[in-house]
Amino acid sequence: MMFGTVNNSCEAIIKVAVGRIGSPKITVDAVIDTGFTSFLSLPLAIITDLALPWHYRDVGTLGDGSEVIFEIYRAAVIWDGQNQIVDVAASDADPLVEMGLLYGFKLQMEAVEGGTVTLEALR
């Protein structure tokens, strides 16, 4: 089980350990984004600092229907205590946890500032 909090902007935040495969990890605070089907997105500055390897380029559709090209990198994350290799989209936004990582988990949150966020595996 993983826990997070709701911040003052009413965003559900969870900590994610991420890094280059086989290297030490850093912990980032990531906003839970149920509208994005990938795994994780990070600002390019963090991707560069971690020296994540480029993987491929992909086209994504935003909420307003416009399409953008994402540069996709590979990273290792620790998710629910398990090491996983995931795709990471470079983004100008804050770090985001997306549906690819949330898949197979029950998400609960108290939707008030300071509220608890809980992620539990559906096993």
Protein backbone atom coordinates (compact mmCIF):
# COMPACT_ATOMS: atom_id res chain seq x y z
CA MET A 1 0.00 0.00 0.00
CA MET A 2 1.20 3.52 -0.80
CA PHE A 3 0.17 6.79 0.77
CA GLY A 4 0.19 10.42 -0.29
CA THR A 5 -1.56 13.68 0.49
CA VAL A 6 -3.75 16.28 -1.18
CA ASN A 7 -1.89 19.59 -1.49
CA ASN A 8 -3.20 23.16 -1.13
CA SER A 9 -4.11 23.17 -4.85
CA CYS A 10 -6.29 20.07 -4.27
CA GLU A 11 -3.88 17.85 -6.25
CA ALA A 12 -3.34 14.25 -5.13
CA ILE A 13 0.42 13.85 -4.58
CA ILE A 14 2.42 10.63 -4.17
CA LYS A 15 6.17 10.13 -3.82
CA VAL A 16 7.86 8.08 -6.54
CA ALA A 17 11.46 6.83 -6.50
CA VAL A 18 12.85 7.08 -10.03
CA GLY A 19 16.24 6.76 -11.66
CA ARG A 20 18.34 5.28 -14.41
CA ILE A 21 18.08 1.49 -14.63
CA GLY A 22 20.67 0.00 -12.28
CA SER A 23 21.48 3.37 -10.64
CA PRO A 24 20.44 5.11 -7.41
CA LYS A 25 16.96 6.64 -7.34
CA ILE A 26 15.72 10.08 -6.37
CA THR A 27 12.28 10.69 -4.88
CA VAL A 28 9.93 13.09 -6.64
CA ASP A 29 6.51 14.33 -5.60
CA ALA A 30 4.18 13.48 -8.49
CA VAL A 31 0.61 14.59 -9.14
CA ILE A 32 -1.81 11.75 -9.88
CA ASP A 33 -3.21 12.32 -13.38
CA THR A 34 -5.99 9.89 -14.34
CA GLY A 35 -6.39 11.56 -17.74
CA PHE A 36 -3.03 10.41 -19.12
CA THR A 37 -2.59 6.76 -20.16
CA SER A 38 1.21 6.54 -20.03
CA PHE A 39 3.20 5.67 -16.87
CA LEU A 40 5.08 8.73 -15.68
CA SER A 41 6.01 12.16 -16.95
CA LEU A 42 8.90 14.27 -15.71
CA PRO A 43 10.31 17.69 -16.56
CA LEU A 44 13.22 17.46 -18.99
CA ALA A 45 15.55 18.93 -16.34
CA ILE A 46 14.98 15.88 -14.08
CA ILE A 47 15.32 13.48 -17.04
CA THR A 48 18.64 15.15 -17.92
CA ASP A 49 19.89 15.12 -14.29
CA LEU A 50 19.13 11.39 -14.08
CA ALA A 51 20.68 10.75 -17.51
CA LEU A 52 17.68 8.65 -18.54
CA PRO A 53 18.16 7.00 -21.94
CA TRP A 54 15.96 8.17 -24.82
CA HIS A 55 13.63 5.41 -25.99
CA TYR A 56 11.33 6.73 -28.75
CA ARG A 57 9.01 9.54 -29.85
CA ASP A 58 5.24 9.24 -29.49
CA VAL A 59 2.17 11.29 -30.40
CA GLY A 60 -0.28 12.03 -27.59
CA THR A 61 -3.69 13.64 -27.53
CA LEU A 62 -4.29 16.29 -24.87
CA GLY A 63 -7.57 16.93 -23.07
CA ASP A 64 -8.46 19.71 -25.52
CA GLY A 65 -8.07 17.30 -28.45
CA SER A 66 -4.79 18.75 -29.72
CA GLU A 67 -1.93 16.40 -30.50
CA VAL A 68 1.62 16.79 -29.25
CA ILE A 69 4.83 14.84 -29.74
CA PHE A 70 6.37 13.39 -26.57
CA GLU A 71 9.98 12.33 -26.20
CA ILE A 72 9.89 9.03 -24.28
CA TYR A 73 12.71 7.86 -22.02
CA ARG A 74 13.25 4.66 -19.97
CA ALA A 75 13.56 4.63 -16.20
CA ALA A 76 13.34 2.37 -13.21
CA VAL A 77 10.79 3.23 -10.53
CA ILE A 78 10.01 1.71 -7.20
CA TRP A 79 6.24 1.24 -7.19
CA ASP A 80 4.51 -0.48 -4.28
CA GLY A 81 7.89 -1.76 -3.16
CA GLN A 82 8.67 -3.35 -6.53
CA ASN A 83 11.26 -2.26 -9.08
CA GLN A 84 9.66 -1.61 -12.49
CA ILE A 85 10.98 -0.41 -15.83
CA VAL A 86 8.65 2.23 -17.28
CA ASP A 87 8.34 4.75 -20.07
CA VAL A 88 8.77 8.38 -18.99
CA ALA A 89 7.37 11.22 -21.09
CA ALA A 90 9.30 14.49 -21.09
CA SER A 91 6.96 17.31 -20.14
CA ASP A 92 6.96 20.96 -19.16
CA ALA A 93 4.60 20.14 -16.27
CA ASP A 94 5.28 18.92 -12.75
CA PRO A 95 5.96 15.19 -12.40
CA LEU A 96 2.81 13.16 -13.11
CA VAL A 97 1.86 9.59 -12.20
CA GLU A 98 -0.38 8.29 -14.94
CA MET A 99 -2.81 5.43 -15.51
CA GLY A 100 -0.08 3.02 -16.63
CA LEU A 101 1.29 2.99 -13.07
CA LEU A 102 -2.14 3.22 -11.44
CA TYR A 103 -3.51 0.23 -13.38
CA GLY A 104 -4.33 -2.62 -11.02
CA PHE A 105 -4.60 -0.34 -7.98
CA LYS A 106 -7.48 1.06 -5.98
CA LEU A 107 -7.13 4.84 -5.59
CA GLN A 108 -8.84 6.56 -2.67
CA MET A 109 -8.49 10.16 -1.58
CA GLU A 110 -9.94 12.63 0.81
CA ALA A 111 -10.48 15.53 -1.59
CA VAL A 112 -9.61 18.35 0.82
CA GLU A 113 -6.32 20.13 1.49
CA GLY A 114 -4.19 17.82 3.64
CA GLY A 115 -6.40 14.83 2.83
CA THR A 116 -5.00 11.32 2.62
CA VAL A 117 -4.31 9.57 -0.71
CA THR A 118 -4.18 5.76 -0.62
CA LEU A 119 -3.14 3.37 -3.38
CA GLU A 120 -3.76 -0.33 -2.77
CA ALA A 121 -2.98 -3.18 -5.13
CA LEU A 122 -6.02 -5.09 -6.43
CA ARG A 123 -4.72 -8.61 -5.84
